[in-house]
PDB file of N, CA and C in Angstrom:
ATOM      1  N   UNK A   1      13.731  15.324  14.856  1.00  0.00           N
ATOM      2  CA  UNK A   1      14.656  14.517  14.011  1.00  0.00           C
ATOM      3  C   UNK A   1      13.965  14.136  12.849  1.00  0.00           C
ATOM      4  N   UNK A   2      14.653  14.345  11.643  1.00  0.00           N
ATOM      5  CA  UNK A   2      14.033  13.927  10.321  1.00  0.00           C
ATOM      6  C   UNK A   2      14.118  12.457  10.120  1.00  0.00           C
ATOM      7  N   UNK A   3      12.996  11.832   9.524  1.00  0.00           N
ATOM      8  CA  UNK A   3      13.198  10.423   9.140  1.00  0.00           C
ATOM      9  C   UNK A   3      14.078  10.068   7.966  1.00  0.00           C
ATOM     10  N   UNK A   4      14.400  11.158   7.091  1.00  0.00           N
ATOM     11  CA  UNK A   4      15.469  11.033   6.115  1.00  0.00           C
ATOM     12  C   UNK A   4      16.480  12.005   6.297  1.00  0.00           C
ATOM     13  N   UNK A   5      17.565  11.670   5.945  1.00  0.00           N
ATOM     14  CA  UNK A   5      18.910  12.524   5.878  1.00  0.00           C
ATOM     15  C   UNK A   5      19.561  12.414   4.644  1.00  0.00           C
ATOM     16  N   UNK A   6      20.469  13.359   4.510  1.00  0.00           N
ATOM     17  CA  UNK A   6      21.302  13.373   3.306  1.00  0.00           C
ATOM     18  C   UNK A   6      22.094  12.175   3.249  1.00  0.00           C
ATOM     19  N   UNK A   7      22.391  11.516   2.079  1.00  0.00           N
ATOM     20  CA  UNK A   7      23.133  10.351   1.759  1.00  0.00           C
ATOM     21  C   UNK A   7      22.220   9.037   2.163  1.00  0.00           C
ATOM     22  N   UNK A   8      21.014   9.175   2.471  1.00  0.00           N
ATOM     23  CA  UNK A   8      20.132   7.988   2.693  1.00  0.00           C
ATOM     24  C   UNK A   8      19.832   7.449   1.290  1.00  0.00           C
ATOM     25  N   UNK A   9      19.783   6.119   1.258  1.00  0.00           N
ATOM     26  CA  UNK A   9      19.448   5.458  -0.055  1.00  0.00           C
ATOM     27  C   UNK A   9      17.929   5.448   0.060  1.00  0.00           C
ATOM     28  N   UNK A  10      16.959   6.086  -0.994  1.00  0.00           N
ATOM     29  CA  UNK A  10      15.715   5.884  -1.043  1.00  0.00           C
ATOM     30  C   UNK A  10      15.114   5.177  -2.214  1.00  0.00           C
ATOM     31  N   UNK A  11      13.914   4.814  -2.104  1.00  0.00           N
ATOM     32  CA  UNK A  11      13.192   4.156  -3.298  1.00  0.00           C
ATOM     33  C   UNK A  11      12.079   5.176  -3.436  1.00  0.00           C
ATOM     34  N   UNK A  12      11.748   5.346  -4.971  1.00  0.00           N
ATOM     35  CA  UNK A  12      10.636   6.245  -5.337  1.00  0.00           C
ATOM     36  C   UNK A  12       9.411   5.271  -5.493  1.00  0.00           C
ATOM     37  N   UNK A  13       8.323   5.833  -4.783  1.00  0.00           N
ATOM     38  CA  UNK A  13       7.060   5.096  -4.549  1.00  0.00           C
ATOM     39  C   UNK A  13       6.033   5.431  -5.681  1.00  0.00           C
ATOM     40  N   UNK A  14       6.041   6.612  -6.329  1.00  0.00           N
ATOM     41  CA  UNK A  14       5.002   6.818  -7.358  1.00  0.00           C
ATOM     42  C   UNK A  14       5.653   7.896  -8.513  1.00  0.00           C
ATOM     43  N   UNK A  15       5.007   7.943  -9.568  1.00  0.00           N
ATOM     44  CA  UNK A  15       5.355   8.886 -10.669  1.00  0.00           C
ATOM     45  C   UNK A  15       6.293   8.098 -11.595  1.00  0.00           C
ATOM     46  N   UNK A  16       6.802   8.936 -12.513  1.00  0.00           N
ATOM     47  CA  UNK A  16       7.452   8.310 -13.713  1.00  0.00           C
ATOM     48  C   UNK A  16       8.724   7.398 -13.404  1.00  0.00           C
ATOM     49  N   UNK A  17       9.402   7.751 -12.180  1.00  0.00           N
ATOM     50  CA  UNK A  17      10.619   6.933 -11.737  1.00  0.00           C
ATOM     51  C   UNK A  17      10.295   6.023 -10.710  1.00  0.00           C
ATOM     52  N   UNK A  18       8.961   5.502 -10.664  1.00  0.00           N
ATOM     53  CA  UNK A  18       8.617   4.491  -9.664  1.00  0.00           C
ATOM     54  C   UNK A  18       9.379   3.229  -9.669  1.00  0.00           C
ATOM     55  N   UNK A  19       9.994   2.979  -8.536  1.00  0.00           N
ATOM     56  CA  UNK A  19      10.804   1.676  -8.402  1.00  0.00           C
ATOM     57  C   UNK A  19      12.267   1.895  -8.382  1.00  0.00           C
ATOM     58  N   UNK A  20      12.674   3.159  -8.971  1.00  0.00           N
ATOM     59  CA  UNK A  20      14.121   3.515  -9.047  1.00  0.00           C
ATOM     60  C   UNK A  20      14.670   3.904  -7.594  1.00  0.00           C
ATOM     61  N   UNK A  21      15.972   3.782  -7.440  1.00  0.00           N
ATOM     62  CA  UNK A  21      16.566   4.075  -6.187  1.00  0.00           C
ATOM     63  C   UNK A  21      17.513   5.255  -6.475  1.00  0.00           C
ATOM     64  N   UNK A  22      17.943   5.974  -5.415  1.00  0.00           N
ATOM     65  CA  UNK A  22      18.841   7.003  -5.479  1.00  0.00           C
ATOM     66  C   UNK A  22      19.292   7.484  -4.040  1.00  0.00           C
ATOM     67  N   UNK A  23      20.432   8.219  -3.943  1.00  0.00           N
ATOM     68  CA  UNK A  23      20.665   8.723  -2.650  1.00  0.00           C
ATOM     69  C   UNK A  23      20.104  10.180  -2.505  1.00  0.00           C
ATOM     70  N   UNK A  24      19.761  10.672  -1.312  1.00  0.00           N
ATOM     71  CA  UNK A  24      19.211  12.031  -1.163  1.00  0.00           C
ATOM     72  C   UNK A  24      20.377  13.020  -1.128  1.00  0.00           C
ATOM     73  N   UNK A  25      20.131  14.017  -2.030  1.00  0.00           N
ATOM     74  CA  UNK A  25      21.179  14.965  -2.215  1.00  0.00           C
ATOM     75  C   UNK A  25      21.030  16.215  -1.225  1.00  0.00           C
ATOM     76  N   UNK A  26      19.731  16.509  -1.057  1.00  0.00           N
ATOM     77  CA  UNK A  26      19.344  17.722  -0.247  1.00  0.00           C
ATOM     78  C   UNK A  26      17.813  17.911   0.061  1.00  0.00           C
ATOM     79  N   UNK A  27      17.577  18.858   0.697  1.00  0.00           N
ATOM     80  CA  UNK A  27      15.936  19.084   0.860  1.00  0.00           C
ATOM     81  C   UNK A  27      15.740  20.577   0.454  1.00  0.00           C
ATOM     82  N   UNK A  28      14.505  20.751   0.067  1.00  0.00           N
ATOM     83  CA  UNK A  28      13.955  22.161  -0.142  1.00  0.00           C
ATOM     84  C   UNK A  28      12.752  22.304   0.699  1.00  0.00           C
ATOM     85  N   UNK A  29      12.881  23.192   1.745  1.00  0.00           N
ATOM     86  CA  UNK A  29      11.908  23.402   2.564  1.00  0.00           C
ATOM     87  C   UNK A  29      11.819  22.163   3.538  1.00  0.00           C
ATOM     88  N   UNK A  30      10.348  22.035   3.961  1.00  0.00           N
ATOM     89  CA  UNK A  30      10.168  20.865   4.966  1.00  0.00           C
ATOM     90  C   UNK A  30       9.576  19.744   4.207  1.00  0.00           C
ATOM     91  N   UNK A  31       9.117  19.828   3.057  1.00  0.00           N
ATOM     92  CA  UNK A  31       8.432  18.677   2.453  1.00  0.00           C
ATOM     93  C   UNK A  31       8.808  18.360   0.968  1.00  0.00           C
ATOM     94  N   UNK A  32      10.004  18.876   0.666  1.00  0.00           N
ATOM     95  CA  UNK A  32      10.612  18.550  -0.700  1.00  0.00           C
ATOM     96  C   UNK A  32      12.099  17.869  -0.435  1.00  0.00           C
ATOM     97  N   UNK A  33      12.324  16.811  -1.207  1.00  0.00           N
ATOM     98  CA  UNK A  33      13.683  16.158  -1.236  1.00  0.00           C
ATOM     99  C   UNK A  33      14.173  15.974  -2.627  1.00  0.00           C
ATOM    100  N   UNK A  34      15.403  16.116  -2.797  1.00  0.00           N
ATOM    101  CA  UNK A  34      15.989  16.113  -4.079  1.00  0.00           C
ATOM    102  C   UNK A  34      16.977  14.812  -4.131  1.00  0.00           C
ATOM    103  N   UNK A  35      16.652  13.850  -5.094  1.00  0.00           N
ATOM    104  CA  UNK A  35      17.351  12.506  -5.194  1.00  0.00           C
ATOM    105  C   UNK A  35      18.219  12.547  -6.237  1.00  0.00           C
ATOM    106  N   UNK A  36      19.356  11.950  -6.202  1.00  0.00           N
ATOM    107  CA  UNK A  36      20.425  11.979  -7.333  1.00  0.00           C
ATOM    108  C   UNK A  36      19.857  11.056  -8.350  1.00  0.00           C
ATOM    109  N   UNK A  37      19.832  11.624  -9.585  1.00  0.00           N
ATOM    110  CA  UNK A  37      19.636  10.844 -10.878  1.00  0.00           C
ATOM    111  C   UNK A  37      18.046  10.543 -11.059  1.00  0.00           C
ATOM    112  N   UNK A  38      17.298  11.160 -10.193  1.00  0.00           N
ATOM    113  CA  UNK A  38      15.864  10.891 -10.335  1.00  0.00           C
ATOM    114  C   UNK A  38      15.016  12.329 -10.534  1.00  0.00           C
ATOM    115  N   UNK A  39      13.917  12.338 -11.289  1.00  0.00           N
ATOM    116  CA  UNK A  39      13.126  13.321 -11.594  1.00  0.00           C
ATOM    117  C   UNK A  39      13.825  14.390 -12.390  1.00  0.00           C
ATOM    118  N   UNK A  40      14.711  13.868 -13.272  1.00  0.00           N
ATOM    119  CA  UNK A  40      15.457  14.954 -13.996  1.00  0.00           C
ATOM    120  C   UNK A  40      14.675  15.712 -15.047  1.00  0.00           C
ATOM    121  N   UNK A  41      14.976  17.028 -15.152  1.00  0.00           N
ATOM    122  CA  UNK A  41      14.518  17.982 -15.850  1.00  0.00           C
ATOM    123  C   UNK A  41      15.395  18.587 -16.757  1.00  0.00           C
ATOM    124  N   UNK A  42      14.944  19.183 -17.909  1.00  0.00           N
ATOM    125  CA  UNK A  42      15.771  19.940 -18.793  1.00  0.00           C
ATOM    126  C   UNK A  42      15.532  21.431 -18.594  1.00  0.00           C
ATOM    127  N   UNK A  43      16.518  22.067 -18.309  1.00  0.00           N
ATOM    128  CA  UNK A  43      16.473  23.594 -18.098  1.00  0.00           C
ATOM    129  C   UNK A  43      17.106  24.372 -19.083  1.00  0.00           C
ATOM    130  N   UNK A  44      16.381  25.171 -19.846  1.00  0.00           N
ATOM    131  CA  UNK A  44      17.155  25.985 -20.902  1.00  0.00           C
ATOM    132  C   UNK A  44      17.765  27.252 -20.309  1.00  0.00           C
ATOM    133  N   UNK A  45      18.938  27.332 -20.405  1.00  0.00           N
ATOM    134  CA  UNK A  45      19.529  28.520 -19.776  1.00  0.00           C
ATOM    135  C   UNK A  45      20.490  29.235 -20.782  1.00  0.00           C
ATOM    136  N   UNK A  46      20.556  30.563 -20.617  1.00  0.00           N
ATOM    137  CA  UNK A  46      21.673  31.254 -21.371  1.00  0.00           C
ATOM    138  C   UNK A  46      22.812  31.634 -20.389  1.00  0.00           C
ATOM    139  N   UNK A  47      23.984  31.980 -21.105  1.00  0.00           N
ATOM    140  CA  UNK A  47      25.196  32.206 -20.251  1.00  0.00           C
ATOM    141  C   UNK A  47      24.997  33.816 -19.729  1.00  0.00           C
ATOM    142  N   UNK A  48      25.076  34.027 -18.611  1.00  0.00           N
ATOM    143  CA  UNK A  48      24.835  35.414 -17.954  1.00  0.00           C
ATOM    144  C   UNK A  48      26.322  36.313 -18.259  1.00  0.00           C
ATOM    145  N   UNK A  49      27.269  35.461 -18.018  1.00  0.00           N
ATOM    146  CA  UNK A  49      28.707  36.190 -18.356  1.00  0.00           C
ATOM    147  C   UNK A  49      29.491  35.135 -18.953  1.00  0.00           C
ATOM    148  N   UNK A  50      30.624  35.480 -19.462  1.00  0.00           N
ATOM    149  CA  UNK A  50      31.580  34.556 -20.184  1.00  0.00           C
ATOM    150  C   UNK A  50      32.076  33.518 -19.387  1.00  0.00           C
ATOM    151  N   UNK A  51      31.976  32.323 -19.738  1.00  0.00           N
ATOM    152  CA  UNK A  51      32.441  31.082 -18.994  1.00  0.00           C
ATOM    153  C   UNK A  51      31.152  30.455 -18.250  1.00  0.00           C
ATOM    154  N   UNK A  52      30.048  31.027 -18.295  1.00  0.00           N
ATOM    155  CA  UNK A  52      28.961  30.306 -17.653  1.00  0.00           C
ATOM    156  C   UNK A  52      28.300  29.192 -18.615  1.00  0.00           C
ATOM    157  N   UNK A  53      27.945  28.221 -17.979  1.00  0.00           N
ATOM    158  CA  UNK A  53      27.311  27.012 -18.718  1.00  0.00           C
ATOM    159  C   UNK A  53      26.013  27.563 -19.455  1.00  0.00           C
ATOM    160  N   UNK A  54      25.610  27.087 -20.613  1.00  0.00           N
ATOM    161  CA  UNK A  54      24.480  27.418 -21.237  1.00  0.00           C
ATOM    162  C   UNK A  54      23.846  26.379 -21.959  1.00  0.00           C
ATOM    163  N   UNK A  55      22.697  26.504 -22.603  1.00  0.00           N
ATOM    164  CA  UNK A  55      22.121  25.576 -23.259  1.00  0.00           C
ATOM    165  C   UNK A  55      21.057  24.798 -22.452  1.00  0.00           C
ATOM    166  N   UNK A  56      20.766  23.481 -23.036  1.00  0.00           N
ATOM    167  CA  UNK A  56      19.954  22.575 -22.289  1.00  0.00           C
ATOM    168  C   UNK A  56      20.642  21.697 -21.197  1.00  0.00           C
ATOM    169  N   UNK A  57      20.382  22.175 -19.868  1.00  0.00           N
ATOM    170  CA  UNK A  57      21.061  21.507 -18.842  1.00  0.00           C
ATOM    171  C   UNK A  57      20.136  20.511 -17.979  1.00  0.00           C
ATOM    172  N   UNK A  58      20.673  19.313 -17.694  1.00  0.00           N
ATOM    173  CA  UNK A  58      19.889  18.450 -16.906  1.00  0.00           C
ATOM    174  C   UNK A  58      20.080  18.566 -15.507  1.00  0.00           C
ATOM    175  N   UNK A  59      18.933  18.754 -14.655  1.00  0.00           N
ATOM    176  CA  UNK A  59      19.184  18.773 -13.294  1.00  0.00           C
ATOM    177  C   UNK A  59      18.118  18.005 -12.442  1.00  0.00           C
ATOM    178  N   UNK A  60      18.209  17.758 -11.277  1.00  0.00           N
ATOM    179  CA  UNK A  60      17.227  17.028 -10.538  1.00  0.00           C
ATOM    180  C   UNK A  60      16.202  17.918  -9.982  1.00  0.00           C
ATOM    181  N   UNK A  61      14.935  17.681 -10.163  1.00  0.00           N
ATOM    182  CA  UNK A  61      13.884  18.539  -9.611  1.00  0.00           C
ATOM    183  C   UNK A  61      13.432  17.862  -8.190  1.00  0.00           C
ATOM    184  N   UNK A  62      12.934  18.665  -7.340  1.00  0.00           N
ATOM    185  CA  UNK A  62      12.537  18.075  -6.009  1.00  0.00           C
ATOM    186  C   UNK A  62      11.332  17.261  -6.232  1.00  0.00           C
ATOM    187  N   UNK A  63      11.124  16.286  -5.274  1.00  0.00           N
ATOM    188  CA  UNK A  63       9.969  15.457  -5.092  1.00  0.00           C
ATOM    189  C   UNK A  63       9.325  15.713  -3.668  1.00  0.00           C
ATOM    190  N   UNK A  64       8.198  15.481  -3.665  1.00  0.00           N
ATOM    191  CA  UNK A  64       7.470  15.455  -2.427  1.00  0.00           C
ATOM    192  C   UNK A  64       8.011  14.383  -1.580  1.00  0.00           C
ATOM    193  N   UNK A  65       8.170  14.606  -0.143  1.00  0.00           N
ATOM    194  CA  UNK A  65       8.766  13.645   0.640  1.00  0.00           C
ATOM    195  C   UNK A  65       7.913  12.436   0.864  1.00  0.00           C
ATOM    196  N   UNK A  66       6.550  12.622   0.605  1.00  0.00           N
ATOM    197  CA  UNK A  66       5.616  11.430   0.807  1.00  0.00           C
ATOM    198  C   UNK A  66       5.838  10.415  -0.500  1.00  0.00           C
ATOM    199  N   UNK A  67       6.532  10.795  -1.496  1.00  0.00           N
ATOM    200  CA  UNK A  67       6.781   9.834  -2.765  1.00  0.00           C
ATOM    201  C   UNK A  67       8.078   9.143  -2.615  1.00  0.00           C
ATOM    202  N   UNK A  68       8.619   9.319  -1.672  1.00  0.00           N
ATOM    203  CA  UNK A  68       9.973   8.428  -1.381  1.00  0.00           C
ATOM    204  C   UNK A  68       9.886   7.708  -0.082  1.00  0.00           C
ATOM    205  N   UNK A  69      10.603   6.599  -0.018  1.00  0.00           N
ATOM    206  CA  UNK A  69      10.720   5.713   1.247  1.00  0.00           C
ATOM    207  C   UNK A  69      12.200   5.369   1.467  1.00  0.00           C
ATOM    208  N   UNK A  70      12.491   5.168   2.610  1.00  0.00           N
ATOM    209  CA  UNK A  70      13.831   4.713   2.828  1.00  0.00           C
ATOM    210  C   UNK A  70      13.977   3.204   2.451  1.00  0.00           C
ATOM    211  N   UNK A  71      15.107   2.904   1.791  1.00  0.00           N
ATOM    212  CA  UNK A  71      15.379   1.571   1.299  1.00  0.00           C
ATOM    213  C   UNK A  71      15.958   0.629   2.399  1.00  0.00           C
ATOM    214  N   UNK A  72      15.272  -0.411   2.820  1.00  0.00           N
ATOM    215  CA  UNK A  72      15.922  -1.274   3.841  1.00  0.00           C
ATOM    216  C   UNK A  72      16.867  -2.269   2.967  1.00  0.00           C
ATOM    217  N   UNK A  73      18.168  -2.164   3.402  1.00  0.00           N
ATOM    218  CA  UNK A  73      19.192  -3.007   2.809  1.00  0.00           C
ATOM    219  C   UNK A  73      19.000  -4.543   2.973  1.00  0.00           C
ATOM    220  N   UNK A  74      18.442  -4.845   4.054  1.00  0.00           N
ATOM    221  CA  UNK A  74      18.129  -6.295   4.388  1.00  0.00           C
ATOM    222  C   UNK A  74      17.197  -6.977   3.439  1.00  0.00           C
ATOM    223  N   UNK A  75      16.012  -6.221   3.143  1.00  0.00           N
ATOM    224  CA  UNK A  75      15.011  -6.862   2.396  1.00  0.00           C
ATOM    225  C   UNK A  75      14.863  -6.196   1.009  1.00  0.00           C
ATOM    226  N   UNK A  76      15.662  -5.213   0.738  1.00  0.00           N
ATOM    227  CA  UNK A  76      15.648  -4.461  -0.594  1.00  0.00           C
ATOM    228  C   UNK A  76      14.151  -3.961  -0.897  1.00  0.00           C
ATOM    229  N   UNK A  77      13.609  -3.527   0.179  1.00  0.00           N
ATOM    230  CA  UNK A  77      12.198  -2.991  -0.221  1.00  0.00           C
ATOM    231  C   UNK A  77      12.024  -1.648   0.623  1.00  0.00           C
ATOM    232  N   UNK A  78      11.165  -0.928   0.260  1.00  0.00           N
ATOM    233  CA  UNK A  78      10.726   0.318   1.029  1.00  0.00           C
ATOM    234  C   UNK A  78      10.290   0.090   2.435  1.00  0.00           C
ATOM    235  N   UNK A  79      10.493   0.827   3.331  1.00  0.00           N
ATOM    236  CA  UNK A  79      10.330   0.546   4.714  1.00  0.00           C
ATOM    237  C   UNK A  79       9.955   1.754   5.485  1.00  0.00           C
ATOM    238  N   UNK A  80       9.040   1.718   6.559  1.00  0.00           N
ATOM    239  CA  UNK A  80       8.747   2.818   7.263  1.00  0.00           C
ATOM    240  C   UNK A  80       9.866   3.089   8.367  1.00  0.00           C
ATOM    241  N   UNK A  81      10.109   4.263   8.800  1.00  0.00           N
ATOM    242  CA  UNK A  81      11.247   4.502   9.818  1.00  0.00           C
ATOM    243  C   UNK A  81      10.511   5.029  10.994  1.00  0.00           C
ATOM    244  N   UNK A  82      11.021   4.592  12.166  1.00  0.00           N
ATOM    245  CA  UNK A  82      10.540   5.067  13.379  1.00  0.00           C
ATOM    246  C   UNK A  82      11.701   5.753  14.227  1.00  0.00           C
ATOM    247  N   UNK A  83      11.330   6.450  15.276  1.00  0.00           N
ATOM    248  CA  UNK A  83      12.422   7.038  16.023  1.00  0.00           C
ATOM    249  C   UNK A  83      12.028   6.750  17.572  1.00  0.00           C
ATOM    250  N   UNK A  84      13.131   6.236  18.248  1.00  0.00           N
ATOM    251  CA  UNK A  84      13.235   5.862  19.529  1.00  0.00           C
ATOM    252  C   UNK A  84      14.320   6.392  20.283  1.00  0.00           C
ATOM    253  N   UNK A  85      14.186   6.268  21.514  1.00  0.00           N
ATOM    254  CA  UNK A  85      15.469   6.773  22.408  1.00  0.00           C
ATOM    255  C   UNK A  85      16.092   5.533  23.068  1.00  0.00           C
ATOM    256  N   UNK A  86      17.475   5.409  22.621  1.00  0.00           N
ATOM    257  CA  UNK A  86      18.245   4.309  23.296  1.00  0.00           C
ATOM    258  C   UNK A  86      19.479   5.007  23.838  1.00  0.00           C
ATOM    259  N   UNK A  87      19.711   4.753  25.228  1.00  0.00           N
ATOM    260  CA  UNK A  87      20.894   5.212  25.825  1.00  0.00           C
ATOM    261  C   UNK A  87      20.856   6.861  25.754  1.00  0.00           C
ATOM    262  N   UNK A  88      19.724   7.372  25.890  1.00  0.00           N
ATOM    263  CA  UNK A  88      19.638   8.802  25.901  1.00  0.00           C
ATOM    264  C   UNK A  88      19.784   9.485  24.641  1.00  0.00           C
ATOM    265  N   UNK A  89      19.809   8.822  23.510  1.00  0.00           N
ATOM    266  CA  UNK A  89      20.106   9.421  22.023  1.00  0.00           C
ATOM    267  C   UNK A  89      18.827   8.824  21.336  1.00  0.00           C
ATOM    268  N   UNK A  90      18.484   9.835  20.440  1.00  0.00           N
ATOM    269  CA  UNK A  90      17.395   9.398  19.481  1.00  0.00           C
ATOM    270  C   UNK A  90      18.105   8.648  18.337  1.00  0.00           C
ATOM    271  N   UNK A  91      17.500   7.548  17.982  1.00  0.00           N
ATOM    272  CA  UNK A  91      18.080   6.742  16.850  1.00  0.00           C
ATOM    273  C   UNK A  91      16.764   6.385  15.927  1.00  0.00           C
ATOM    274  N   UNK A  92      17.156   6.232  14.543  1.00  0.00           N
ATOM    275  CA  UNK A  92      16.128   5.922  13.778  1.00  0.00           C
ATOM    276  C   UNK A  92      16.210   4.339  13.532  1.00  0.00           C
ATOM    277  N   UNK A  93      15.081   3.710  13.308  1.00  0.00           N
ATOM    278  CA  UNK A  93      15.038   2.324  13.137  1.00  0.00           C
ATOM    279  C   UNK A  93      14.074   1.847  12.048  1.00  0.00           C
ATOM    280  N   UNK A  94      14.090   0.691  11.458  1.00  0.00           N
ATOM    281  CA  UNK A  94      13.194   0.206  10.420  1.00  0.00           C
ATOM    282  C   UNK A  94      11.982  -0.462  11.222  1.00  0.00           C
ATOM    283  N   UNK A  95      10.779  -0.209  10.795  1.00  0.00           N
ATOM    284  CA  UNK A  95       9.628  -0.658  11.685  1.00  0.00           C
ATOM    285  C   UNK A  95       9.385  -2.184  11.346  1.00  0.00           C
ATOM    286  N   UNK A  96       9.815  -2.590  10.134  1.00  0.00           N
ATOM    287  CA  UNK A  96       9.583  -4.050   9.727  1.00  0.00           C
ATOM    288  C   UNK A  96      10.369  -5.049  10.545  1.00  0.00           C
ATOM    289  N   UNK A  97      11.626  -4.774  10.778  1.00  0.00           N
ATOM    290  CA  UNK A  97      12.607  -5.675  11.371  1.00  0.00           C
ATOM    291  C   UNK A  97      13.224  -5.064  12.717  1.00  0.00           C
ATOM    292  N   UNK A  98      12.856  -3.919  13.233  1.00  0.00           N
ATOM    293  CA  UNK A  98      13.503  -3.220  14.361  1.00  0.00           C
ATOM    294  C   UNK A  98      15.077  -2.963  14.145  1.00  0.00           C
ATOM    295  N   UNK A  99      15.582  -3.008  13.007  1.00  0.00           N
ATOM    296  CA  UNK A  99      17.026  -2.837  12.785  1.00  0.00           C
ATOM    297  C   UNK A  99      17.260  -1.320  12.936  1.00  0.00           C
ATOM    298  N   UNK A 100      18.295  -1.014  13.766  1.00  0.00           N
ATOM    299  CA  UNK A 100      18.778   0.382  13.826  1.00  0.00           C
ATOM    300  C   UNK A 100      19.440   0.914  12.569  1.00  0.00           C
ATOM    301  N   UNK A 101      19.119   2.125  12.096  1.00  0.00           N
ATOM    302  CA  UNK A 101      19.724   2.565  10.958  1.00  0.00           C
ATOM    303  C   UNK A 101      21.026   3.429  11.394  1.00  0.00           C
ATOM    304  N   UNK A 102      22.060   2.889  10.806  1.00  0.00           N
ATOM    305  CA  UNK A 102      23.386   3.553  11.035  1.00  0.00           C
ATOM    306  C   UNK A 102      23.602   4.712  10.414  1.00  0.00           C
ATOM    307  N   UNK A 103      23.859   5.922  11.091  1.00  0.00           N
ATOM    308  CA  UNK A 103      23.974   7.214  10.461  1.00  0.00           C
ATOM    309  C   UNK A 103      25.484   7.457   9.996  1.00  0.00           C
TER     310      UNK A 103
END
């Protein structure tokens, strides 16, 4: 079970976007995460066929998963995530206050 999932709100821990928050859009491989509105790059593209988008396009680049942390809504701070078994199901919880993360 992953500690982060799509649509989780995360906070950026390092880099040019440090302190900003965003939602997880997707994953690339095992150790990269794409966050909405964070780490945007400019990609210069040309249209391959009529109707394609071209020019300077903004898109989110992947971040290493160690540079983001799940945002605890009760404290509005980054928090570590643990996994435990409750009633035969794995659940994620915040380590600081033992609150279960609703999926």
